[in-house]
N, C-alpha and C. Protein backbone atom coordinates (compact mmCIF):
# COMPACT_ATOMS: atom_id res chain seq x y z
N MET A 1 33.27 43.14 -55.21
CA MET A 1 33.30 43.30 -53.80
C MET A 1 31.91 43.13 -53.19
N HIS A 2 30.94 43.44 -53.96
CA HIS A 2 29.56 43.33 -53.51
C HIS A 2 29.19 41.85 -53.27
N THR A 3 29.65 40.93 -54.08
CA THR A 3 29.33 39.51 -53.91
C THR A 3 29.99 38.92 -52.68
N SER A 4 31.14 39.39 -52.34
CA SER A 4 31.83 38.89 -51.15
C SER A 4 31.08 39.26 -49.88
N ASP A 5 30.56 40.47 -49.79
CA ASP A 5 29.77 40.88 -48.62
C ASP A 5 28.48 40.07 -48.52
N THR A 6 27.87 39.78 -49.61
CA THR A 6 26.62 39.02 -49.60
C THR A 6 26.87 37.60 -49.09
N LYS A 7 27.97 36.98 -49.49
CA LYS A 7 28.29 35.63 -49.02
C LYS A 7 28.55 35.62 -47.52
N LYS A 8 29.21 36.65 -47.01
CA LYS A 8 29.46 36.72 -45.57
C LYS A 8 28.16 36.88 -44.80
N GLN A 9 27.23 37.66 -45.35
CA GLN A 9 25.95 37.84 -44.67
C GLN A 9 25.13 36.55 -44.69
N LYS A 10 25.20 35.81 -45.81
CA LYS A 10 24.47 34.54 -45.87
C LYS A 10 25.03 33.54 -44.86
N GLY A 11 26.32 33.51 -44.70
CA GLY A 11 26.94 32.63 -43.72
C GLY A 11 26.54 33.01 -42.29
N PHE A 12 26.42 34.29 -42.02
CA PHE A 12 26.00 34.75 -40.71
C PHE A 12 24.54 34.38 -40.44
N VAL A 13 23.70 34.46 -41.42
CA VAL A 13 22.28 34.11 -41.26
C VAL A 13 22.13 32.63 -40.96
N ILE A 14 22.89 31.80 -41.64
CA ILE A 14 22.83 30.36 -41.38
C ILE A 14 23.31 30.06 -39.96
N LEU A 15 24.40 30.67 -39.54
CA LEU A 15 24.91 30.49 -38.19
C LEU A 15 23.90 30.96 -37.15
N PHE A 16 23.28 32.10 -37.39
CA PHE A 16 22.27 32.64 -36.47
C PHE A 16 21.04 31.71 -36.41
N ALA A 17 20.62 31.16 -37.53
CA ALA A 17 19.47 30.25 -37.57
C ALA A 17 19.76 28.97 -36.80
N ILE A 18 20.99 28.44 -36.94
CA ILE A 18 21.36 27.24 -36.20
C ILE A 18 21.39 27.52 -34.70
N LEU A 19 21.90 28.67 -34.31
CA LEU A 19 21.96 29.05 -32.90
C LEU A 19 20.55 29.17 -32.31
N VAL A 20 19.65 29.83 -33.00
CA VAL A 20 18.26 29.97 -32.54
C VAL A 20 17.58 28.60 -32.45
N ALA A 21 17.81 27.74 -33.45
CA ALA A 21 17.21 26.40 -33.44
C ALA A 21 17.72 25.57 -32.26
N ALA A 22 19.01 25.69 -31.95
CA ALA A 22 19.59 24.96 -30.82
C ALA A 22 18.99 25.44 -29.50
N ILE A 23 18.79 26.74 -29.35
CA ILE A 23 18.19 27.28 -28.13
C ILE A 23 16.76 26.80 -27.98
N VAL A 24 15.99 26.84 -29.06
CA VAL A 24 14.59 26.39 -29.03
C VAL A 24 14.54 24.89 -28.70
N LEU A 25 15.45 24.09 -29.28
CA LEU A 25 15.50 22.66 -29.01
C LEU A 25 15.84 22.40 -27.55
N ALA A 26 16.79 23.13 -26.99
CA ALA A 26 17.16 22.95 -25.58
C ALA A 26 15.99 23.27 -24.66
N ILE A 27 15.25 24.33 -24.96
CA ILE A 27 14.07 24.69 -24.16
C ILE A 27 13.01 23.60 -24.27
N ALA A 28 12.78 23.07 -25.48
CA ALA A 28 11.77 22.03 -25.67
C ALA A 28 12.14 20.75 -24.91
N ILE A 29 13.43 20.39 -24.93
CA ILE A 29 13.87 19.20 -24.21
C ILE A 29 13.71 19.40 -22.71
N GLY A 30 14.02 20.59 -22.21
CA GLY A 30 13.85 20.89 -20.79
C GLY A 30 12.40 20.81 -20.36
N ILE A 31 11.50 21.36 -21.15
CA ILE A 31 10.07 21.31 -20.83
C ILE A 31 9.56 19.87 -20.87
N SER A 32 10.02 19.10 -21.87
CA SER A 32 9.61 17.69 -21.97
C SER A 32 10.09 16.90 -20.77
N ASN A 33 11.30 17.17 -20.31
CA ASN A 33 11.84 16.47 -19.14
C ASN A 33 11.02 16.77 -17.89
N VAL A 34 10.65 18.02 -17.70
CA VAL A 34 9.83 18.39 -16.55
C VAL A 34 8.45 17.72 -16.64
N ALA A 35 7.85 17.73 -17.82
CA ALA A 35 6.54 17.10 -17.99
C ALA A 35 6.60 15.59 -17.73
N TYR A 36 7.67 14.95 -18.19
CA TYR A 36 7.84 13.51 -17.96
C TYR A 36 7.95 13.21 -16.46
N LYS A 37 8.73 14.00 -15.74
CA LYS A 37 8.88 13.78 -14.30
C LYS A 37 7.57 14.03 -13.56
N GLU A 38 6.78 14.98 -14.01
CA GLU A 38 5.46 15.23 -13.40
C GLU A 38 4.53 14.04 -13.62
N ILE A 39 4.60 13.43 -14.79
CA ILE A 39 3.78 12.26 -15.08
C ILE A 39 4.18 11.10 -14.17
N LEU A 40 5.50 10.89 -14.00
CA LEU A 40 5.97 9.83 -13.10
C LEU A 40 5.54 10.08 -11.67
N LEU A 41 5.62 11.32 -11.23
CA LEU A 41 5.24 11.67 -9.87
C LEU A 41 3.74 11.44 -9.63
N SER A 42 2.92 11.82 -10.58
CA SER A 42 1.48 11.63 -10.41
C SER A 42 1.12 10.14 -10.44
N ALA A 43 1.81 9.35 -11.26
CA ALA A 43 1.56 7.90 -11.28
C ALA A 43 1.98 7.27 -9.97
N SER A 44 3.08 7.72 -9.40
CA SER A 44 3.54 7.21 -8.12
C SER A 44 2.54 7.54 -7.01
N ALA A 45 2.01 8.75 -7.04
CA ALA A 45 1.01 9.14 -6.04
C ALA A 45 -0.26 8.30 -6.17
N ARG A 46 -0.67 8.01 -7.40
CA ARG A 46 -1.85 7.18 -7.63
C ARG A 46 -1.64 5.77 -7.07
N GLU A 47 -0.48 5.17 -7.36
CA GLU A 47 -0.19 3.82 -6.89
C GLU A 47 -0.09 3.79 -5.35
N SER A 48 0.45 4.83 -4.77
CA SER A 48 0.52 4.93 -3.30
C SER A 48 -0.88 5.00 -2.71
N HIS A 49 -1.76 5.72 -3.37
CA HIS A 49 -3.15 5.82 -2.91
C HIS A 49 -3.82 4.45 -2.94
N TYR A 50 -3.60 3.68 -4.01
CA TYR A 50 -4.18 2.34 -4.10
C TYR A 50 -3.68 1.46 -2.95
N SER A 51 -2.38 1.52 -2.67
CA SER A 51 -1.81 0.70 -1.59
C SER A 51 -2.39 1.09 -0.24
N PHE A 52 -2.51 2.38 0.00
CA PHE A 52 -3.08 2.83 1.26
C PHE A 52 -4.54 2.40 1.38
N PHE A 53 -5.30 2.49 0.29
CA PHE A 53 -6.69 2.05 0.28
C PHE A 53 -6.79 0.58 0.68
N SER A 54 -5.91 -0.25 0.15
CA SER A 54 -5.92 -1.67 0.47
C SER A 54 -5.55 -1.90 1.94
N ALA A 55 -4.53 -1.20 2.44
CA ALA A 55 -4.12 -1.35 3.84
C ALA A 55 -5.22 -0.88 4.79
N ASP A 56 -5.86 0.23 4.46
CA ASP A 56 -6.93 0.76 5.30
C ASP A 56 -8.13 -0.18 5.32
N THR A 57 -8.45 -0.78 4.19
CA THR A 57 -9.56 -1.72 4.13
C THR A 57 -9.28 -2.94 5.01
N GLY A 58 -8.05 -3.43 4.99
CA GLY A 58 -7.69 -4.57 5.84
C GLY A 58 -7.78 -4.23 7.32
N ALA A 59 -7.33 -3.04 7.70
CA ALA A 59 -7.42 -2.62 9.10
C ALA A 59 -8.88 -2.49 9.53
N GLU A 60 -9.72 -1.92 8.67
CA GLU A 60 -11.14 -1.77 8.99
C GLU A 60 -11.82 -3.13 9.12
N CYS A 61 -11.44 -4.07 8.28
CA CYS A 61 -12.02 -5.42 8.36
C CYS A 61 -11.64 -6.08 9.68
N ALA A 62 -10.36 -5.98 10.05
CA ALA A 62 -9.92 -6.57 11.32
C ALA A 62 -10.59 -5.89 12.50
N LEU A 63 -10.74 -4.57 12.45
CA LEU A 63 -11.44 -3.85 13.52
C LEU A 63 -12.89 -4.32 13.64
N TYR A 64 -13.53 -4.52 12.51
CA TYR A 64 -14.92 -4.98 12.51
C TYR A 64 -15.03 -6.34 13.20
N TYR A 65 -14.17 -7.28 12.82
CA TYR A 65 -14.23 -8.61 13.42
C TYR A 65 -13.84 -8.60 14.89
N ASP A 66 -13.00 -7.64 15.29
CA ASP A 66 -12.58 -7.59 16.70
C ASP A 66 -13.56 -6.81 17.56
N LEU A 67 -13.86 -5.58 17.18
CA LEU A 67 -14.69 -4.73 18.04
C LEU A 67 -16.18 -4.98 17.90
N LYS A 68 -16.64 -5.23 16.70
CA LYS A 68 -18.08 -5.42 16.48
C LYS A 68 -18.51 -6.86 16.79
N LEU A 69 -17.74 -7.83 16.31
CA LEU A 69 -18.14 -9.23 16.48
C LEU A 69 -17.39 -9.94 17.61
N ASP A 70 -16.33 -9.32 18.13
CA ASP A 70 -15.56 -9.84 19.27
C ASP A 70 -15.14 -11.30 19.04
N LEU A 71 -14.48 -11.56 17.91
CA LEU A 71 -14.13 -12.93 17.55
C LEU A 71 -12.71 -13.35 17.89
N PHE A 72 -11.85 -12.42 18.29
CA PHE A 72 -10.46 -12.76 18.56
C PHE A 72 -10.22 -12.89 20.06
N ALA A 73 -9.97 -14.12 20.51
CA ALA A 73 -9.71 -14.36 21.93
C ALA A 73 -8.30 -13.91 22.28
N ALA A 74 -8.15 -13.37 23.48
CA ALA A 74 -6.85 -12.89 23.92
C ALA A 74 -6.11 -13.88 24.78
N ASP A 75 -6.81 -14.85 25.32
CA ASP A 75 -6.20 -15.83 26.20
C ASP A 75 -5.65 -16.99 25.35
N ALA A 76 -4.37 -17.26 25.51
CA ALA A 76 -3.73 -18.31 24.71
C ALA A 76 -4.34 -19.68 24.98
N ASN A 77 -4.93 -19.88 26.16
CA ASN A 77 -5.51 -21.18 26.50
C ASN A 77 -6.86 -21.40 25.85
N THR A 78 -7.58 -20.35 25.55
CA THR A 78 -8.93 -20.49 24.98
C THR A 78 -9.01 -20.03 23.53
N ALA A 79 -7.92 -19.55 22.96
CA ALA A 79 -7.96 -19.05 21.58
C ALA A 79 -8.20 -20.19 20.61
N GLY A 80 -9.16 -19.98 19.76
CA GLY A 80 -9.47 -20.97 18.74
C GLY A 80 -9.58 -20.30 17.39
N PRO A 81 -9.85 -21.08 16.37
CA PRO A 81 -9.93 -20.48 15.03
C PRO A 81 -11.13 -19.53 14.91
N VAL A 82 -10.95 -18.53 14.10
CA VAL A 82 -12.04 -17.62 13.76
C VAL A 82 -12.54 -18.07 12.40
N ASN A 83 -13.82 -18.43 12.36
CA ASN A 83 -14.37 -19.02 11.15
C ASN A 83 -14.99 -17.98 10.22
N ASN A 84 -14.85 -18.27 8.94
CA ASN A 84 -15.54 -17.55 7.88
C ASN A 84 -15.20 -16.05 7.84
N ILE A 85 -13.92 -15.71 7.90
CA ILE A 85 -13.48 -14.32 7.70
C ILE A 85 -13.75 -13.96 6.25
N ASN A 86 -14.37 -12.84 6.03
CA ASN A 86 -14.73 -12.44 4.67
C ASN A 86 -14.55 -10.93 4.54
N CYS A 87 -13.41 -10.52 4.04
CA CYS A 87 -13.12 -9.09 3.90
C CYS A 87 -13.30 -8.59 2.48
N ASP A 88 -13.40 -9.50 1.53
CA ASP A 88 -13.45 -9.08 0.13
C ASP A 88 -14.78 -9.38 -0.55
N GLY A 89 -15.76 -9.86 0.22
CA GLY A 89 -17.06 -10.15 -0.37
C GLY A 89 -17.11 -11.50 -1.05
N LEU A 90 -16.03 -12.25 -1.02
CA LEU A 90 -16.00 -13.58 -1.62
C LEU A 90 -16.13 -14.61 -0.52
N ALA A 91 -15.89 -15.85 -0.85
CA ALA A 91 -16.03 -16.94 0.13
C ALA A 91 -15.12 -16.70 1.32
N GLY A 92 -15.62 -16.98 2.51
CA GLY A 92 -14.84 -16.78 3.72
C GLY A 92 -13.82 -17.88 3.93
N TYR A 93 -12.91 -17.64 4.84
CA TYR A 93 -11.89 -18.62 5.20
C TYR A 93 -11.65 -18.53 6.70
N ASP A 94 -11.03 -19.56 7.25
CA ASP A 94 -10.78 -19.61 8.69
C ASP A 94 -9.40 -19.05 9.01
N VAL A 95 -9.30 -18.37 10.16
CA VAL A 95 -8.02 -17.82 10.63
C VAL A 95 -7.67 -18.55 11.92
N PHE A 96 -6.50 -19.15 11.95
CA PHE A 96 -6.07 -19.94 13.10
C PHE A 96 -5.06 -19.14 13.93
N PRO A 97 -5.24 -19.15 15.24
CA PRO A 97 -4.31 -18.37 16.09
C PRO A 97 -3.01 -19.13 16.32
N SER A 98 -1.99 -18.37 16.62
CA SER A 98 -0.73 -18.94 17.08
C SER A 98 -0.29 -18.15 18.31
N VAL A 99 0.41 -18.79 19.20
CA VAL A 99 0.85 -18.12 20.42
C VAL A 99 2.28 -17.67 20.21
N GLY A 100 2.48 -16.35 20.35
CA GLY A 100 3.80 -15.79 20.16
C GLY A 100 4.52 -15.60 21.47
N SER A 101 5.55 -14.81 21.43
CA SER A 101 6.32 -14.53 22.64
C SER A 101 5.47 -13.73 23.62
N ASN A 102 5.79 -13.85 24.90
CA ASN A 102 5.07 -13.13 25.96
C ASN A 102 3.58 -13.44 25.97
N ASN A 103 3.22 -14.67 25.56
CA ASN A 103 1.83 -15.11 25.61
C ASN A 103 0.92 -14.28 24.70
N GLU A 104 1.46 -13.76 23.61
CA GLU A 104 0.63 -13.05 22.64
C GLU A 104 -0.12 -14.06 21.78
N VAL A 105 -1.34 -13.71 21.43
CA VAL A 105 -2.11 -14.54 20.51
C VAL A 105 -2.15 -13.79 19.17
N VAL A 106 -1.64 -14.44 18.14
CA VAL A 106 -1.50 -13.81 16.82
C VAL A 106 -2.47 -14.47 15.84
N TYR A 107 -3.30 -13.65 15.23
CA TYR A 107 -4.23 -14.11 14.19
C TYR A 107 -3.73 -13.56 12.87
N ASP A 108 -3.10 -14.42 12.09
CA ASP A 108 -2.55 -14.02 10.79
C ASP A 108 -3.56 -14.41 9.72
N PHE A 109 -4.12 -13.42 9.05
CA PHE A 109 -5.15 -13.66 8.04
C PHE A 109 -4.47 -14.24 6.80
N LEU A 110 -4.43 -15.56 6.69
CA LEU A 110 -3.82 -16.22 5.53
C LEU A 110 -4.90 -16.95 4.76
N ASN A 111 -5.25 -16.42 3.63
CA ASN A 111 -6.29 -17.00 2.79
C ASN A 111 -5.69 -18.13 1.97
N PRO A 112 -6.15 -19.37 2.15
CA PRO A 112 -5.56 -20.49 1.40
C PRO A 112 -5.82 -20.41 -0.10
N ASN A 113 -6.76 -19.58 -0.51
CA ASN A 113 -7.07 -19.46 -1.93
C ASN A 113 -6.17 -18.46 -2.65
N LEU A 114 -5.32 -17.73 -1.91
CA LEU A 114 -4.43 -16.74 -2.51
C LEU A 114 -2.97 -17.14 -2.28
N THR A 115 -2.11 -16.61 -3.12
CA THR A 115 -0.69 -16.92 -3.01
C THR A 115 0.04 -15.86 -2.18
N ASN A 116 1.27 -16.13 -1.84
CA ASN A 116 2.18 -15.18 -1.20
C ASN A 116 1.72 -14.69 0.17
N ASN A 117 1.19 -15.59 1.01
CA ASN A 117 0.77 -15.23 2.37
C ASN A 117 -0.15 -14.01 2.40
N SER A 118 -1.17 -14.05 1.61
CA SER A 118 -2.08 -12.91 1.48
C SER A 118 -3.38 -13.16 2.21
N SER A 119 -4.07 -12.06 2.54
CA SER A 119 -5.35 -12.15 3.24
C SER A 119 -6.52 -12.07 2.28
N PHE A 120 -6.54 -11.04 1.45
CA PHE A 120 -7.63 -10.89 0.49
C PHE A 120 -7.23 -9.91 -0.60
N GLU A 121 -8.04 -9.89 -1.66
CA GLU A 121 -7.84 -8.94 -2.75
C GLU A 121 -9.09 -8.08 -2.88
N ILE A 122 -8.88 -6.82 -3.16
CA ILE A 122 -9.98 -5.87 -3.32
C ILE A 122 -10.05 -5.50 -4.79
N ASP A 123 -11.25 -5.44 -5.33
CA ASP A 123 -11.43 -4.91 -6.68
C ASP A 123 -11.48 -3.39 -6.60
N SER A 124 -10.65 -2.74 -7.38
CA SER A 124 -10.61 -1.28 -7.40
C SER A 124 -10.84 -0.81 -8.83
N THR A 125 -11.82 0.07 -9.00
CA THR A 125 -12.11 0.62 -10.32
C THR A 125 -12.08 2.14 -10.23
N PRO A 126 -11.00 2.77 -10.73
CA PRO A 126 -10.97 4.23 -10.74
C PRO A 126 -11.98 4.77 -11.74
N PRO A 127 -12.41 6.02 -11.59
CA PRO A 127 -13.38 6.58 -12.53
C PRO A 127 -12.87 6.49 -13.97
N GLY A 128 -13.66 5.84 -14.79
CA GLY A 128 -13.31 5.70 -16.21
C GLY A 128 -12.15 4.75 -16.44
N GLY A 129 -11.79 3.96 -15.45
CA GLY A 129 -10.62 3.09 -15.56
C GLY A 129 -10.99 1.63 -15.62
N VAL A 130 -9.97 0.81 -15.57
CA VAL A 130 -10.11 -0.63 -15.63
C VAL A 130 -10.02 -1.19 -14.20
N THR A 131 -10.83 -2.20 -13.90
CA THR A 131 -10.81 -2.81 -12.57
C THR A 131 -9.50 -3.56 -12.37
N THR A 132 -8.85 -3.29 -11.24
CA THR A 132 -7.63 -4.01 -10.87
C THR A 132 -7.81 -4.59 -9.48
N LYS A 133 -7.00 -5.57 -9.17
CA LYS A 133 -7.04 -6.20 -7.84
C LYS A 133 -5.90 -5.64 -7.01
N LEU A 134 -6.22 -5.34 -5.73
CA LEU A 134 -5.23 -4.83 -4.79
C LEU A 134 -5.08 -5.86 -3.68
N CYS A 135 -3.86 -6.22 -3.35
CA CYS A 135 -3.59 -7.27 -2.37
C CYS A 135 -3.49 -6.69 -0.96
N ASN A 136 -3.85 -7.51 0.04
CA ASN A 136 -3.74 -7.11 1.44
C ASN A 136 -3.28 -8.29 2.28
N HIS A 137 -2.54 -7.98 3.34
CA HIS A 137 -2.17 -8.98 4.34
C HIS A 137 -2.36 -8.33 5.70
N SER A 138 -3.23 -8.93 6.54
CA SER A 138 -3.55 -8.35 7.84
C SER A 138 -3.23 -9.33 8.97
N ILE A 139 -2.81 -8.76 10.10
CA ILE A 139 -2.45 -9.55 11.28
C ILE A 139 -3.04 -8.86 12.51
N VAL A 140 -3.72 -9.63 13.37
CA VAL A 140 -4.24 -9.11 14.63
C VAL A 140 -3.46 -9.80 15.76
N THR A 141 -2.92 -9.00 16.68
CA THR A 141 -2.18 -9.54 17.82
C THR A 141 -2.83 -9.08 19.11
N LYS A 142 -3.17 -10.04 19.97
CA LYS A 142 -3.76 -9.75 21.28
C LYS A 142 -2.73 -10.07 22.35
N HIS A 143 -2.61 -9.20 23.31
CA HIS A 143 -1.65 -9.42 24.39
C HIS A 143 -2.29 -9.00 25.71
N MET A 144 -2.25 -9.89 26.69
CA MET A 144 -2.80 -9.55 28.01
C MET A 144 -1.97 -10.22 29.08
N PRO A 145 -1.99 -9.79 30.26
CA PRO A 145 -2.39 -8.44 30.63
C PRO A 145 -1.21 -7.49 30.48
N VAL A 146 -1.50 -6.26 30.20
CA VAL A 146 -0.47 -5.22 30.14
C VAL A 146 -0.87 -4.12 31.11
N PRO A 147 0.09 -3.43 31.72
CA PRO A 147 -0.26 -2.37 32.66
C PRO A 147 -0.93 -1.20 31.96
N ASP A 148 -1.91 -0.64 32.64
CA ASP A 148 -2.60 0.56 32.14
C ASP A 148 -1.62 1.73 32.19
N PRO A 149 -1.40 2.44 31.07
CA PRO A 149 -0.48 3.57 31.10
C PRO A 149 -0.92 4.69 32.04
N ASN A 150 -2.23 4.79 32.29
CA ASN A 150 -2.76 5.84 33.17
C ASN A 150 -2.89 5.39 34.62
N ASP A 151 -3.02 4.08 34.83
CA ASP A 151 -3.19 3.55 36.19
C ASP A 151 -2.43 2.22 36.29
N PRO A 152 -1.18 2.25 36.74
CA PRO A 152 -0.36 1.03 36.77
C PRO A 152 -0.96 -0.11 37.60
N ALA A 153 -1.87 0.17 38.50
CA ALA A 153 -2.49 -0.88 39.29
C ALA A 153 -3.50 -1.68 38.46
N ASN A 154 -3.97 -1.11 37.38
CA ASN A 154 -4.96 -1.74 36.51
C ASN A 154 -4.25 -2.44 35.34
N THR A 155 -4.81 -3.55 34.87
CA THR A 155 -4.26 -4.21 33.68
C THR A 155 -5.28 -4.17 32.56
N LEU A 156 -4.76 -4.14 31.34
CA LEU A 156 -5.60 -4.01 30.16
C LEU A 156 -5.27 -5.09 29.14
N LEU A 157 -6.14 -5.20 28.16
CA LEU A 157 -5.92 -6.05 27.00
C LEU A 157 -5.40 -5.15 25.88
N GLU A 158 -4.25 -5.50 25.32
CA GLU A 158 -3.65 -4.72 24.24
C GLU A 158 -3.94 -5.41 22.91
N THR A 159 -4.36 -4.63 21.93
CA THR A 159 -4.61 -5.16 20.59
C THR A 159 -3.80 -4.35 19.59
N ARG A 160 -3.15 -5.09 18.70
CA ARG A 160 -2.36 -4.47 17.64
C ARG A 160 -2.83 -5.05 16.30
N ILE A 161 -3.13 -4.17 15.36
CA ILE A 161 -3.52 -4.61 14.02
C ILE A 161 -2.49 -4.06 13.04
N ASP A 162 -1.89 -4.95 12.27
CA ASP A 162 -0.97 -4.57 11.21
C ASP A 162 -1.60 -4.96 9.88
N SER A 163 -1.80 -3.99 9.03
CA SER A 163 -2.40 -4.24 7.73
C SER A 163 -1.48 -3.70 6.65
N TYR A 164 -1.08 -4.59 5.74
CA TYR A 164 -0.17 -4.23 4.65
C TYR A 164 -0.96 -4.22 3.35
N GLY A 165 -0.94 -3.09 2.67
CA GLY A 165 -1.66 -2.96 1.40
C GLY A 165 -0.69 -2.85 0.24
N TYR A 166 -1.08 -3.43 -0.88
CA TYR A 166 -0.25 -3.42 -2.08
C TYR A 166 -1.08 -2.94 -3.26
N ASN A 167 -0.42 -2.35 -4.23
CA ASN A 167 -1.10 -1.79 -5.38
C ASN A 167 -1.22 -2.78 -6.54
N ILE A 168 -0.89 -4.03 -6.30
CA ILE A 168 -0.93 -5.05 -7.35
C ILE A 168 -1.66 -6.29 -6.83
N PRO A 169 -2.06 -7.21 -7.70
CA PRO A 169 -2.70 -8.45 -7.25
C PRO A 169 -1.73 -9.31 -6.43
N CYS A 170 -2.26 -10.15 -5.57
CA CYS A 170 -1.44 -10.99 -4.71
C CYS A 170 -0.55 -11.93 -5.52
N SER A 171 -1.01 -12.38 -6.66
CA SER A 171 -0.21 -13.30 -7.47
C SER A 171 1.05 -12.64 -8.02
N ASP A 172 1.08 -11.31 -8.09
CA ASP A 172 2.25 -10.60 -8.61
C ASP A 172 3.26 -10.22 -7.54
N LEU A 173 2.98 -10.51 -6.27
CA LEU A 173 3.90 -10.12 -5.19
C LEU A 173 5.22 -10.86 -5.27
N SER A 174 5.23 -12.06 -5.79
CA SER A 174 6.46 -12.85 -5.81
C SER A 174 7.41 -12.44 -6.92
N THR A 175 6.95 -11.62 -7.84
CA THR A 175 7.81 -11.18 -8.93
C THR A 175 8.85 -10.22 -8.37
N ALA A 176 10.09 -10.67 -8.30
CA ALA A 176 11.16 -9.88 -7.68
C ALA A 176 11.44 -8.59 -8.44
N ALA A 177 11.26 -8.62 -9.74
CA ALA A 177 11.59 -7.45 -10.54
C ALA A 177 10.38 -6.54 -10.78
N ASN A 178 9.35 -6.66 -9.94
CA ASN A 178 8.16 -5.84 -10.14
C ASN A 178 8.43 -4.42 -9.68
N ARG A 179 8.65 -3.52 -10.61
CA ARG A 179 8.99 -2.14 -10.29
C ARG A 179 7.75 -1.33 -9.92
N ARG A 180 6.59 -1.88 -10.16
CA ARG A 180 5.36 -1.15 -9.84
C ARG A 180 4.92 -1.33 -8.40
N LEU A 181 5.54 -2.22 -7.66
CA LEU A 181 5.09 -2.56 -6.31
C LEU A 181 5.24 -1.38 -5.36
N VAL A 182 4.11 -1.03 -4.71
CA VAL A 182 4.11 -0.02 -3.66
C VAL A 182 3.41 -0.64 -2.47
N GLU A 183 4.04 -0.60 -1.30
CA GLU A 183 3.47 -1.17 -0.08
C GLU A 183 3.21 -0.04 0.90
N ARG A 184 2.04 -0.09 1.54
CA ARG A 184 1.71 0.84 2.62
C ARG A 184 1.27 0.02 3.83
N HIS A 185 1.60 0.51 5.01
CA HIS A 185 1.33 -0.21 6.25
C HIS A 185 0.46 0.68 7.14
N VAL A 186 -0.69 0.14 7.55
CA VAL A 186 -1.55 0.83 8.51
C VAL A 186 -1.44 0.05 9.82
N TYR A 187 -1.16 0.78 10.88
CA TYR A 187 -0.93 0.18 12.19
C TYR A 187 -1.98 0.76 13.15
N VAL A 188 -2.76 -0.13 13.78
CA VAL A 188 -3.77 0.28 14.74
C VAL A 188 -3.40 -0.35 16.08
N HIS A 189 -3.42 0.46 17.13
CA HIS A 189 -3.00 -0.02 18.46
C HIS A 189 -3.99 0.56 19.47
N TYR A 190 -4.61 -0.32 20.26
CA TYR A 190 -5.56 0.17 21.25
C TYR A 190 -5.61 -0.77 22.45
N TYR A 191 -6.16 -0.23 23.54
CA TYR A 191 -6.28 -0.98 24.78
C TYR A 191 -7.76 -1.11 25.14
N GLU A 192 -8.10 -2.23 25.79
CA GLU A 192 -9.47 -2.46 26.27
C GLU A 192 -9.39 -2.98 27.70
N ASN A 193 -10.44 -2.77 28.43
CA ASN A 193 -10.53 -3.37 29.77
C ASN A 193 -10.65 -4.87 29.62
N LEU A 194 -10.06 -5.59 30.54
CA LEU A 194 -10.15 -7.05 30.51
C LEU A 194 -11.58 -7.51 30.78
N PRO A 195 -12.01 -8.54 30.10
CA PRO A 195 -13.40 -9.03 30.33
C PRO A 195 -13.57 -9.64 31.68
């Protein structure tokens, strides 16, 4: 009778050990799943930061050429090409205006040296990381005259800057299955007195 009780106790110990192992395994899988999702979230935030950096750089470049150098004409009759745009520190290129609806003058920064209707690429090197290229596409739109929101009797020059930043090189934008692509858009809108 003594051997029968011992066999029952051994069977219970094995069952208890399997139950404890299953609980520990379930906890480990749960913790691993949470850690994996945190890694994906932090990578997504990093890629979003790169895209915003590229979009912000494009907007700042367009603002520099507009406000500091005053190179974008607002009158559709006198608008001409803007020569030697250089936002990335490389060779400059010319930007040609087009007249849109309502007599808007649109300056689309299209660099002939890049693919996919792009303006420029920025070299980005995170601390301790590898240098990558970030793509940008910027557009400046001038529209005149528009009524002053504060004084309807006065007319103003309206300027709109749209800058699209991407976390990948311009050559990779055409890849339809690119799951890493993150786009951010910086929009700048301001009014100036007519010259």
